[in-house]
N, C-alpha and C. Protein backbone atom coordinates (compact mmCIF):
# COMPACT_ATOMS: atom_id res chain seq x y z
N MET A 1 -0.47 -17.37 38.99
CA MET A 1 0.78 -17.00 38.33
C MET A 1 0.47 -16.40 36.99
N ASN A 2 1.06 -15.33 36.62
CA ASN A 2 0.78 -14.71 35.38
C ASN A 2 1.42 -15.35 34.16
N ARG A 3 0.85 -15.10 33.05
CA ARG A 3 1.58 -15.59 31.89
C ARG A 3 1.95 -14.27 31.00
N TYR A 4 3.18 -14.27 30.44
CA TYR A 4 3.80 -13.21 29.89
C TYR A 4 4.11 -13.24 28.46
N PHE A 5 3.96 -12.09 27.74
CA PHE A 5 4.44 -11.82 26.47
C PHE A 5 5.81 -11.19 26.67
N TYR A 6 6.70 -11.24 25.60
CA TYR A 6 7.95 -10.48 25.69
C TYR A 6 8.27 -10.17 24.23
N ILE A 7 9.07 -9.16 24.20
CA ILE A 7 9.67 -8.69 22.82
C ILE A 7 11.07 -9.29 22.69
N ASP A 8 11.36 -9.95 21.63
CA ASP A 8 12.68 -10.62 21.54
C ASP A 8 13.64 -9.61 20.88
N THR A 9 14.98 -9.93 20.70
CA THR A 9 15.86 -9.18 20.16
C THR A 9 15.50 -8.73 18.72
N GLU A 10 14.86 -9.39 17.96
CA GLU A 10 14.30 -8.98 16.64
C GLU A 10 13.20 -8.05 16.62
N GLY A 11 12.73 -7.72 17.79
CA GLY A 11 11.46 -6.86 17.89
C GLY A 11 10.17 -7.68 17.79
N LYS A 12 10.24 -8.95 17.76
CA LYS A 12 8.90 -9.73 17.57
C LYS A 12 8.33 -10.12 18.93
N GLN A 13 7.04 -10.03 19.01
CA GLN A 13 6.34 -10.42 20.34
C GLN A 13 6.17 -11.95 20.31
N LYS A 14 6.57 -12.43 21.51
CA LYS A 14 6.40 -13.86 21.81
C LYS A 14 5.66 -14.02 23.07
N GLY A 15 4.92 -15.19 23.08
CA GLY A 15 4.26 -15.34 24.35
C GLY A 15 3.08 -16.45 24.11
N THR A 16 2.56 -16.88 25.08
CA THR A 16 2.67 -16.44 26.50
C THR A 16 3.68 -17.54 27.32
N PHE A 17 4.23 -17.05 28.29
CA PHE A 17 5.16 -17.84 29.04
C PHE A 17 4.84 -17.59 30.54
N SER A 18 5.07 -18.67 31.31
CA SER A 18 5.18 -18.51 32.84
C SER A 18 6.47 -17.87 33.15
N PRO A 19 6.63 -17.41 34.41
CA PRO A 19 7.96 -16.73 34.81
C PRO A 19 9.03 -17.86 34.64
N GLU A 20 8.83 -19.06 34.98
CA GLU A 20 9.90 -20.18 34.90
C GLU A 20 10.23 -20.43 33.39
N GLU A 21 9.30 -20.36 32.52
CA GLU A 21 9.52 -20.47 31.10
C GLU A 21 10.21 -19.30 30.54
N LEU A 22 10.13 -18.18 31.08
CA LEU A 22 10.79 -16.88 30.63
C LEU A 22 12.34 -17.10 31.00
N ARG A 23 12.66 -17.88 31.99
CA ARG A 23 14.03 -18.15 32.29
C ARG A 23 14.65 -18.91 31.23
N GLN A 24 13.85 -19.97 30.60
CA GLN A 24 14.30 -20.77 29.50
C GLN A 24 14.50 -19.99 28.30
N GLU A 25 13.58 -18.95 28.12
CA GLU A 25 13.69 -18.06 26.86
C GLU A 25 14.76 -17.03 27.01
N ARG A 26 15.61 -17.09 28.02
CA ARG A 26 16.70 -16.22 28.21
C ARG A 26 16.22 -14.76 28.18
N VAL A 27 15.11 -14.38 28.89
CA VAL A 27 14.80 -13.11 29.12
C VAL A 27 15.87 -12.19 29.91
N ARG A 28 16.15 -11.13 29.44
CA ARG A 28 17.17 -10.25 30.14
C ARG A 28 16.40 -9.16 30.97
N ARG A 29 17.21 -8.40 31.61
CA ARG A 29 16.68 -7.29 32.44
C ARG A 29 15.93 -6.25 31.50
N ASP A 30 16.46 -6.00 30.45
CA ASP A 30 15.90 -4.94 29.58
C ASP A 30 14.83 -5.46 28.68
N THR A 31 14.45 -6.69 28.61
CA THR A 31 13.58 -7.29 27.74
C THR A 31 12.07 -6.68 28.15
N LEU A 32 11.36 -6.29 27.20
CA LEU A 32 10.11 -5.82 27.54
C LEU A 32 9.09 -6.86 27.65
N VAL A 33 8.27 -6.78 28.65
CA VAL A 33 7.38 -7.91 28.90
C VAL A 33 5.96 -7.30 29.25
N TRP A 34 4.99 -8.11 29.01
CA TRP A 34 3.54 -7.65 29.29
C TRP A 34 2.69 -8.80 29.75
N THR A 35 1.79 -8.49 30.64
CA THR A 35 0.82 -9.48 31.02
C THR A 35 -0.54 -8.86 31.29
N GLN A 36 -1.58 -9.47 31.36
CA GLN A 36 -2.88 -8.87 31.63
C GLN A 36 -2.75 -8.12 32.89
N GLY A 37 -3.42 -6.95 32.84
CA GLY A 37 -3.38 -6.13 34.07
C GLY A 37 -2.42 -4.99 34.00
N MET A 38 -1.42 -5.13 32.99
CA MET A 38 -0.48 -4.00 32.89
C MET A 38 -0.99 -2.96 31.87
N GLU A 39 -0.74 -1.81 32.05
CA GLU A 39 -1.17 -0.79 31.19
C GLU A 39 -0.20 -0.66 29.89
N GLN A 40 1.19 -0.91 30.22
CA GLN A 40 2.09 -0.72 29.09
C GLN A 40 3.18 -1.89 29.32
N TRP A 41 3.87 -2.00 28.28
CA TRP A 41 5.08 -2.86 28.39
C TRP A 41 6.04 -2.47 29.45
N LYS A 42 6.74 -3.29 30.15
CA LYS A 42 7.75 -2.87 31.08
C LYS A 42 8.99 -3.74 30.90
N ARG A 43 10.02 -3.16 31.44
CA ARG A 43 11.29 -3.97 31.43
C ARG A 43 11.08 -5.06 32.53
N ALA A 44 11.71 -6.33 32.09
CA ALA A 44 11.41 -7.44 33.02
C ALA A 44 11.91 -7.15 34.40
N GLU A 45 12.99 -6.45 34.59
CA GLU A 45 13.46 -6.16 35.95
C GLU A 45 12.58 -5.25 36.73
N GLU A 46 11.63 -4.58 36.09
CA GLU A 46 10.66 -3.75 36.76
C GLU A 46 9.35 -4.45 37.33
N VAL A 47 9.30 -5.85 36.93
CA VAL A 47 8.18 -6.55 37.27
C VAL A 47 8.53 -7.38 38.55
N ASP A 48 7.89 -7.28 39.64
CA ASP A 48 8.13 -7.99 40.89
C ASP A 48 8.25 -9.37 40.72
N GLU A 49 7.26 -9.90 40.11
CA GLU A 49 7.11 -11.35 39.84
C GLU A 49 8.35 -12.07 39.09
N LEU A 50 9.04 -11.23 38.29
CA LEU A 50 10.08 -11.63 37.48
C LEU A 50 11.53 -11.39 38.01
N ARG A 51 11.57 -10.64 39.08
CA ARG A 51 12.93 -10.37 39.66
C ARG A 51 13.81 -11.43 39.98
N PHE A 52 13.17 -12.53 40.22
CA PHE A 52 13.92 -13.83 40.67
C PHE A 52 14.85 -14.28 39.41
N LEU A 53 14.42 -13.85 38.16
CA LEU A 53 15.17 -14.32 36.98
C LEU A 53 16.52 -13.69 36.92
N PHE A 54 16.74 -12.58 37.64
CA PHE A 54 18.00 -11.81 37.54
C PHE A 54 18.88 -12.02 38.74
N THR A 55 18.59 -12.85 39.67
CA THR A 55 19.51 -12.97 40.73
C THR A 55 20.72 -13.90 40.25
N ASN A 56 21.82 -13.50 40.40
CA ASN A 56 23.11 -14.12 39.97
C ASN A 56 23.17 -14.18 38.37
N VAL A 57 22.68 -13.19 37.71
CA VAL A 57 22.64 -13.07 36.32
C VAL A 57 23.30 -11.71 35.98
N SER A 58 24.24 -11.61 35.15
CA SER A 58 24.76 -10.39 34.72
C SER A 58 24.65 -10.14 33.22
N GLY A 59 24.72 -8.89 32.84
CA GLY A 59 24.62 -8.59 31.39
C GLY A 59 23.26 -8.42 30.98
N SER A 60 23.04 -7.42 29.98
CA SER A 60 21.71 -7.42 29.26
C SER A 60 22.01 -6.90 27.93
N TYR A 61 20.91 -6.89 27.13
CA TYR A 61 21.00 -6.34 25.79
C TYR A 61 19.88 -5.38 25.61
N GLN A 62 20.13 -4.49 24.79
CA GLN A 62 19.10 -3.51 24.47
C GLN A 62 17.95 -4.13 23.44
N THR A 63 16.80 -3.91 23.85
CA THR A 63 15.67 -4.33 22.93
C THR A 63 15.09 -3.05 22.16
N ALA A 64 14.42 -3.35 21.12
CA ALA A 64 13.90 -2.16 20.33
C ALA A 64 12.91 -1.45 21.28
N GLY A 65 12.86 -0.08 21.13
CA GLY A 65 11.82 0.67 21.74
C GLY A 65 12.06 0.95 23.33
N THR A 66 11.17 1.66 23.88
CA THR A 66 11.25 1.97 25.29
C THR A 66 9.89 1.67 25.90
N ASP A 67 9.86 1.87 27.16
CA ASP A 67 8.49 1.53 27.85
C ASP A 67 7.38 2.54 27.41
N HIS A 68 7.77 3.65 26.97
CA HIS A 68 6.82 4.63 26.44
C HIS A 68 6.60 4.68 25.02
N ASP A 69 7.07 3.71 24.31
CA ASP A 69 6.98 3.68 22.90
C ASP A 69 5.55 3.22 22.49
N PRO A 70 4.82 3.90 21.73
CA PRO A 70 3.40 3.52 21.34
C PRO A 70 3.33 2.34 20.60
N ARG A 71 4.45 1.88 19.93
CA ARG A 71 4.40 0.58 19.31
C ARG A 71 4.25 -0.63 20.15
N TYR A 72 4.62 -0.44 21.43
CA TYR A 72 4.56 -1.57 22.52
C TYR A 72 3.40 -1.29 23.32
N SER A 73 2.26 -0.78 22.89
CA SER A 73 1.06 -0.55 23.65
C SER A 73 0.47 -1.96 24.02
N ARG A 74 -0.41 -2.00 24.88
CA ARG A 74 -0.98 -3.31 25.37
C ARG A 74 -1.62 -3.91 24.17
N PRO A 75 -1.49 -5.32 24.04
CA PRO A 75 -2.20 -5.93 22.97
C PRO A 75 -3.78 -5.80 23.08
N SER A 76 -4.42 -5.81 21.95
CA SER A 76 -5.85 -5.73 21.93
C SER A 76 -6.54 -6.97 22.48
N ALA A 77 -5.91 -8.06 22.26
CA ALA A 77 -6.48 -9.37 22.82
C ALA A 77 -5.27 -10.05 23.42
N PRO A 78 -5.56 -11.00 24.33
CA PRO A 78 -4.48 -11.56 25.03
C PRO A 78 -3.35 -12.19 24.28
N TYR A 79 -3.71 -12.84 23.01
CA TYR A 79 -2.76 -13.47 22.28
C TYR A 79 -2.49 -12.79 20.93
N ALA A 80 -2.80 -11.43 20.88
CA ALA A 80 -2.64 -10.70 19.67
C ALA A 80 -1.12 -10.38 19.45
N ALA A 81 -0.62 -10.40 18.24
CA ALA A 81 0.73 -10.17 17.98
C ALA A 81 0.98 -8.64 17.71
N GLU A 82 1.87 -8.02 18.24
CA GLU A 82 2.21 -6.66 18.05
C GLU A 82 2.98 -6.50 16.65
N ILE A 83 2.61 -5.63 15.77
CA ILE A 83 3.44 -5.51 14.51
C ILE A 83 4.24 -4.26 14.64
N LEU A 84 5.51 -4.33 14.45
CA LEU A 84 6.41 -3.14 14.54
C LEU A 84 6.46 -2.41 13.13
N GLN A 85 6.38 -3.18 12.00
CA GLN A 85 6.55 -2.73 10.73
C GLN A 85 5.28 -2.23 10.20
N PRO A 86 5.18 -1.33 9.25
CA PRO A 86 3.92 -0.91 8.61
C PRO A 86 3.55 -1.90 7.59
N MET A 87 2.21 -2.07 7.44
CA MET A 87 1.71 -3.04 6.54
C MET A 87 2.13 -2.82 5.10
N PRO A 88 2.70 -3.84 4.31
CA PRO A 88 3.08 -3.74 3.01
C PRO A 88 2.01 -3.31 2.14
N LYS A 89 2.17 -2.67 0.95
CA LYS A 89 1.09 -2.31 0.01
C LYS A 89 0.43 -3.57 -0.52
N THR A 90 -0.97 -3.43 -0.47
CA THR A 90 -1.70 -4.74 -0.84
C THR A 90 -1.71 -4.88 -2.35
N TRP A 91 -1.76 -3.80 -3.07
CA TRP A 91 -2.02 -3.85 -4.64
C TRP A 91 -3.43 -4.42 -4.95
N LEU A 92 -4.29 -4.33 -4.05
CA LEU A 92 -5.79 -4.93 -4.40
C LEU A 92 -6.37 -4.09 -5.42
N VAL A 93 -6.47 -2.77 -5.12
CA VAL A 93 -7.08 -1.86 -6.23
C VAL A 93 -6.41 -2.00 -7.60
N GLU A 94 -5.11 -2.00 -7.67
CA GLU A 94 -4.50 -2.10 -9.02
C GLU A 94 -4.72 -3.51 -9.61
N SER A 95 -4.70 -4.40 -8.77
CA SER A 95 -4.84 -5.84 -9.43
C SER A 95 -6.30 -5.88 -9.98
N ILE A 96 -7.31 -5.45 -9.21
CA ILE A 96 -8.69 -5.46 -9.82
C ILE A 96 -8.76 -4.77 -11.09
N LEU A 97 -8.22 -3.46 -11.12
CA LEU A 97 -8.25 -2.78 -12.22
C LEU A 97 -7.71 -3.34 -13.59
N VAL A 98 -6.42 -3.84 -13.39
CA VAL A 98 -5.84 -4.55 -14.47
C VAL A 98 -6.47 -5.90 -14.81
N THR A 99 -7.26 -6.37 -14.01
CA THR A 99 -7.95 -7.63 -14.44
C THR A 99 -9.31 -7.31 -15.08
N ILE A 100 -10.04 -6.31 -14.52
CA ILE A 100 -11.32 -6.06 -15.03
C ILE A 100 -11.51 -5.17 -16.36
N LEU A 101 -10.72 -4.00 -16.14
CA LEU A 101 -10.80 -3.03 -17.33
C LEU A 101 -10.32 -3.53 -18.64
N PRO A 102 -9.11 -4.17 -18.78
CA PRO A 102 -8.74 -4.69 -20.11
C PRO A 102 -9.68 -5.76 -20.43
N PHE A 103 -10.14 -6.59 -19.67
CA PHE A 103 -10.95 -7.61 -20.10
C PHE A 103 -12.35 -7.07 -20.68
N VAL A 104 -12.87 -6.00 -20.08
CA VAL A 104 -14.08 -5.42 -20.56
C VAL A 104 -13.82 -4.77 -21.94
N PHE A 105 -12.68 -4.00 -22.00
CA PHE A 105 -12.37 -3.21 -23.25
C PHE A 105 -11.90 -4.05 -24.38
N CYS A 106 -11.04 -5.10 -24.05
CA CYS A 106 -10.34 -5.80 -25.10
C CYS A 106 -10.75 -7.27 -25.19
N SER A 107 -11.60 -7.75 -24.25
CA SER A 107 -11.99 -9.19 -24.18
C SER A 107 -10.69 -10.09 -24.17
N SER A 108 -9.81 -9.79 -23.57
CA SER A 108 -8.59 -10.61 -23.48
C SER A 108 -8.59 -11.55 -22.35
N PHE A 109 -8.85 -12.84 -22.65
CA PHE A 109 -8.78 -13.73 -21.45
C PHE A 109 -7.38 -13.92 -20.74
N LEU A 110 -6.36 -13.46 -21.34
CA LEU A 110 -5.06 -13.41 -20.76
C LEU A 110 -4.97 -12.49 -19.49
N ASN A 111 -5.84 -11.50 -19.57
CA ASN A 111 -5.90 -10.49 -18.38
C ASN A 111 -6.56 -11.21 -17.05
N LEU A 112 -7.08 -12.33 -17.30
CA LEU A 112 -7.54 -13.04 -16.12
C LEU A 112 -6.47 -13.48 -15.27
N LEU A 113 -5.28 -13.39 -15.73
CA LEU A 113 -4.14 -13.78 -14.94
C LEU A 113 -4.00 -12.72 -13.71
N GLY A 114 -4.71 -11.63 -13.88
CA GLY A 114 -4.78 -10.54 -12.78
C GLY A 114 -5.46 -11.23 -11.51
N ILE A 115 -6.31 -12.24 -11.68
CA ILE A 115 -6.98 -12.89 -10.61
C ILE A 115 -5.92 -13.39 -9.71
N ILE A 116 -4.87 -13.97 -10.15
CA ILE A 116 -3.72 -14.33 -9.36
C ILE A 116 -3.31 -13.22 -8.42
N ALA A 117 -3.10 -12.00 -8.98
CA ALA A 117 -2.62 -10.81 -8.29
C ALA A 117 -3.68 -10.41 -7.18
N ILE A 118 -4.98 -10.65 -7.58
CA ILE A 118 -5.99 -10.30 -6.45
C ILE A 118 -5.98 -11.27 -5.40
N VAL A 119 -5.69 -12.59 -5.59
CA VAL A 119 -5.60 -13.52 -4.52
C VAL A 119 -4.36 -13.13 -3.53
N TYR A 120 -3.17 -12.84 -4.20
CA TYR A 120 -2.05 -12.43 -3.46
C TYR A 120 -2.37 -11.12 -2.62
N ALA A 121 -3.03 -10.16 -3.26
CA ALA A 121 -3.27 -8.92 -2.63
C ALA A 121 -4.25 -9.04 -1.51
N ALA A 122 -5.29 -9.92 -1.56
CA ALA A 122 -6.16 -10.22 -0.49
C ALA A 122 -5.47 -10.79 0.69
N GLN A 123 -4.35 -11.56 0.46
CA GLN A 123 -3.71 -12.18 1.57
C GLN A 123 -2.81 -11.23 2.44
N VAL A 124 -2.35 -10.09 1.75
CA VAL A 124 -1.46 -9.22 2.56
C VAL A 124 -2.02 -8.81 3.85
N GLU A 125 -3.18 -8.17 3.93
CA GLU A 125 -3.73 -7.79 5.03
C GLU A 125 -4.00 -8.86 6.11
N SER A 126 -4.51 -9.99 5.67
CA SER A 126 -4.70 -11.15 6.57
C SER A 126 -3.43 -11.49 7.22
N PHE A 127 -2.35 -11.79 6.40
CA PHE A 127 -1.22 -12.14 7.11
C PHE A 127 -0.60 -11.15 8.05
N TYR A 128 -0.77 -9.80 7.71
CA TYR A 128 -0.29 -8.82 8.51
C TYR A 128 -1.04 -8.68 9.93
N ASN A 129 -2.33 -8.85 9.75
CA ASN A 129 -3.17 -8.90 10.93
C ASN A 129 -2.88 -10.04 11.92
N ARG A 130 -2.37 -11.15 11.36
CA ARG A 130 -2.06 -12.23 12.12
C ARG A 130 -0.66 -12.23 12.74
N GLY A 131 0.01 -11.12 12.35
CA GLY A 131 1.36 -10.97 12.91
C GLY A 131 2.50 -11.68 12.06
N ASP A 132 2.24 -12.02 10.97
CA ASP A 132 3.18 -12.86 10.10
C ASP A 132 3.58 -11.73 9.11
N TYR A 133 4.57 -10.80 9.42
CA TYR A 133 5.00 -9.73 8.57
C TYR A 133 5.77 -10.26 7.28
N SER A 134 6.55 -11.30 7.44
CA SER A 134 7.37 -11.75 6.32
C SER A 134 6.38 -12.42 5.23
N ALA A 135 5.36 -13.03 5.61
CA ALA A 135 4.35 -13.66 4.61
C ALA A 135 3.52 -12.48 4.03
N ALA A 136 3.29 -11.52 4.77
CA ALA A 136 2.54 -10.33 4.18
C ALA A 136 3.50 -9.57 3.22
N ALA A 137 4.72 -9.47 3.39
CA ALA A 137 5.61 -8.85 2.56
C ALA A 137 5.73 -9.74 1.25
N GLU A 138 5.88 -10.96 1.39
CA GLU A 138 5.92 -11.87 0.32
C GLU A 138 4.65 -11.90 -0.65
N SER A 139 3.49 -11.84 0.10
CA SER A 139 2.38 -11.70 -0.66
C SER A 139 2.27 -10.41 -1.45
N SER A 140 2.69 -9.43 -0.82
CA SER A 140 2.72 -7.96 -1.49
C SER A 140 3.57 -8.04 -2.71
N ARG A 141 4.80 -8.66 -2.60
CA ARG A 141 5.78 -8.77 -3.77
C ARG A 141 5.05 -9.58 -4.84
N SER A 142 4.45 -10.62 -4.57
CA SER A 142 3.76 -11.55 -5.47
C SER A 142 2.67 -10.79 -6.14
N ALA A 143 1.74 -10.15 -5.33
CA ALA A 143 0.63 -9.29 -5.87
C ALA A 143 1.38 -8.30 -6.83
N GLU A 144 2.40 -7.59 -6.52
CA GLU A 144 2.99 -6.64 -7.42
C GLU A 144 3.33 -7.23 -8.61
N LYS A 145 4.11 -8.35 -8.62
CA LYS A 145 4.53 -9.04 -9.76
C LYS A 145 3.42 -9.36 -10.68
N TRP A 146 2.28 -9.92 -10.20
CA TRP A 146 1.27 -10.41 -11.02
C TRP A 146 0.48 -9.23 -11.57
N THR A 147 0.37 -8.22 -10.81
CA THR A 147 -0.28 -7.09 -11.17
C THR A 147 0.39 -6.44 -12.48
N LYS A 148 1.75 -6.34 -12.42
CA LYS A 148 2.52 -5.80 -13.42
C LYS A 148 2.48 -6.74 -14.66
N ILE A 149 2.47 -8.02 -14.49
CA ILE A 149 2.32 -8.92 -15.52
C ILE A 149 1.03 -8.72 -16.23
N ALA A 150 -0.11 -8.67 -15.51
CA ALA A 150 -1.43 -8.37 -16.11
C ALA A 150 -1.47 -7.13 -16.81
N MET A 151 -0.76 -6.09 -16.30
CA MET A 151 -0.79 -4.75 -16.90
C MET A 151 0.00 -4.72 -18.22
N TRP A 152 1.07 -5.38 -18.18
CA TRP A 152 1.84 -5.52 -19.48
C TRP A 152 1.18 -6.36 -20.51
N ILE A 153 0.43 -7.28 -20.08
CA ILE A 153 -0.36 -8.02 -21.03
C ILE A 153 -1.42 -7.20 -21.65
N ALA A 154 -2.00 -6.39 -20.67
CA ALA A 154 -3.13 -5.53 -21.25
C ALA A 154 -2.55 -4.51 -22.22
N ILE A 155 -1.48 -4.00 -21.88
CA ILE A 155 -0.91 -2.90 -22.85
C ILE A 155 -0.50 -3.64 -24.11
N GLY A 156 0.13 -4.78 -24.15
CA GLY A 156 0.34 -5.51 -25.29
C GLY A 156 -0.90 -5.83 -26.19
N TRP A 157 -1.94 -6.23 -25.48
CA TRP A 157 -3.14 -6.63 -26.08
C TRP A 157 -3.75 -5.41 -26.75
N VAL A 158 -3.72 -4.25 -26.14
CA VAL A 158 -4.26 -2.98 -26.65
C VAL A 158 -3.36 -2.53 -27.91
N LEU A 159 -1.98 -2.63 -27.74
CA LEU A 159 -1.21 -2.34 -28.93
C LEU A 159 -1.49 -3.34 -30.08
N PHE A 160 -1.71 -4.56 -29.76
CA PHE A 160 -1.96 -5.54 -30.77
C PHE A 160 -3.25 -5.15 -31.59
N ILE A 161 -4.34 -4.86 -30.91
CA ILE A 161 -5.66 -4.51 -31.45
C ILE A 161 -5.49 -3.32 -32.26
N THR A 162 -4.71 -2.35 -31.69
CA THR A 162 -4.59 -0.94 -32.37
C THR A 162 -3.93 -1.21 -33.67
N ILE A 163 -2.89 -2.00 -33.64
CA ILE A 163 -2.10 -2.31 -34.95
C ILE A 163 -3.12 -3.11 -35.93
N ILE A 164 -3.80 -4.01 -35.49
CA ILE A 164 -4.79 -4.77 -36.42
C ILE A 164 -5.71 -3.81 -37.06
N VAL A 165 -6.35 -2.82 -36.09
CA VAL A 165 -7.35 -1.91 -36.64
C VAL A 165 -6.62 -1.10 -37.71
N ILE A 166 -5.45 -0.50 -37.45
CA ILE A 166 -4.78 0.34 -38.37
C ILE A 166 -4.41 -0.44 -39.80
N LEU A 167 -3.99 -1.68 -39.61
CA LEU A 167 -3.67 -2.44 -40.86
C LEU A 167 -4.97 -2.79 -41.50
N PHE A 168 -6.07 -2.99 -40.88
CA PHE A 168 -7.39 -3.17 -41.49
C PHE A 168 -7.83 -1.98 -42.21
N VAL A 169 -7.63 -0.82 -41.68
CA VAL A 169 -8.01 0.47 -42.31
C VAL A 169 -7.21 0.79 -43.55
N VAL A 170 -5.83 0.47 -43.32
CA VAL A 170 -5.08 0.85 -44.50
C VAL A 170 -5.27 -0.31 -45.63
N PHE A 171 -5.60 -1.54 -45.22
CA PHE A 171 -5.90 -2.50 -46.17
C PHE A 171 -7.31 -2.08 -47.07
N VAL A 172 -8.27 -1.70 -46.20
CA VAL A 172 -9.50 -1.41 -46.84
C VAL A 172 -9.43 -0.18 -47.70
N GLY A 173 -8.61 0.84 -47.14
CA GLY A 173 -8.23 2.03 -47.96
C GLY A 173 -7.51 1.72 -49.30
N SER A 174 -6.52 0.69 -49.20
CA SER A 174 -5.79 0.42 -50.38
C SER A 174 -6.73 -0.33 -51.43
N LEU A 175 -7.58 -1.06 -50.99
CA LEU A 175 -8.60 -1.88 -51.79
C LEU A 175 -9.60 -0.77 -52.49
N ALA A 176 -10.03 0.27 -51.75
CA ALA A 176 -10.81 1.44 -52.35
C ALA A 176 -10.01 2.08 -53.32
N GLY A 177 -8.67 2.29 -52.99
CA GLY A 177 -7.82 2.91 -54.01
C GLY A 177 -7.65 2.16 -55.31
N PHE A 178 -7.46 0.88 -55.01
CA PHE A 178 -7.36 -0.13 -56.12
C PHE A 178 -8.64 -0.24 -56.96
N GLU A 179 -9.72 -0.16 -56.30
CA GLU A 179 -10.92 -0.19 -57.13
C GLU A 179 -10.98 1.03 -57.95
N GLU A 180 -10.59 2.05 -57.50
CA GLU A 180 -10.73 3.35 -58.33
C GLU A 180 -9.74 3.31 -59.40
N PHE A 181 -8.66 2.71 -59.18
CA PHE A 181 -7.57 2.54 -60.19
C PHE A 181 -8.04 1.62 -61.32
N ILE A 182 -8.68 0.54 -61.04
CA ILE A 182 -9.22 -0.33 -62.03
C ILE A 182 -10.37 0.21 -62.90
N THR A 183 -11.23 0.99 -62.19
CA THR A 183 -12.44 1.66 -62.91
C THR A 183 -12.00 2.81 -63.84
N THR A 184 -10.86 3.45 -63.67
CA THR A 184 -10.47 4.58 -64.52
C THR A 184 -9.76 4.09 -65.68
């Protein structure tokens, strides 16, 4: 007896299930299913082993995609999750830049907050590859938030240092002018 994956009404892959367990999962005629040995996903009613599920059952619902939709190609591993959504932006490069460059140029330890952004950015692809799109999206949002926080801290730090340098130059210049005033 084969074990099957199926695509639920939200477009998420679930599995594996025996044909009897698929009945408890309320698989319908139009539900896309896959098992080892199949080239592509098929509607449950097209699989001989699953036809018993639809005797004395009426009604069906439309699932996302069709049999020939490339998003529903055969999983690369028996328990691999198919992802229908594109991977969220990782923010990894940006988080590394806002962490390292300001620290090198300004020596601001506050920019080390960008490390938090790097950690979240590194999680995005990992969650996505495991099939947990919502966790990947949440990590992407957190990485974006911490990257922007680190960027604004870096901008504020650069402005602060610029103002201090300008004030120092003005102060030294005024002392030189004051010294000339005293000597004349």
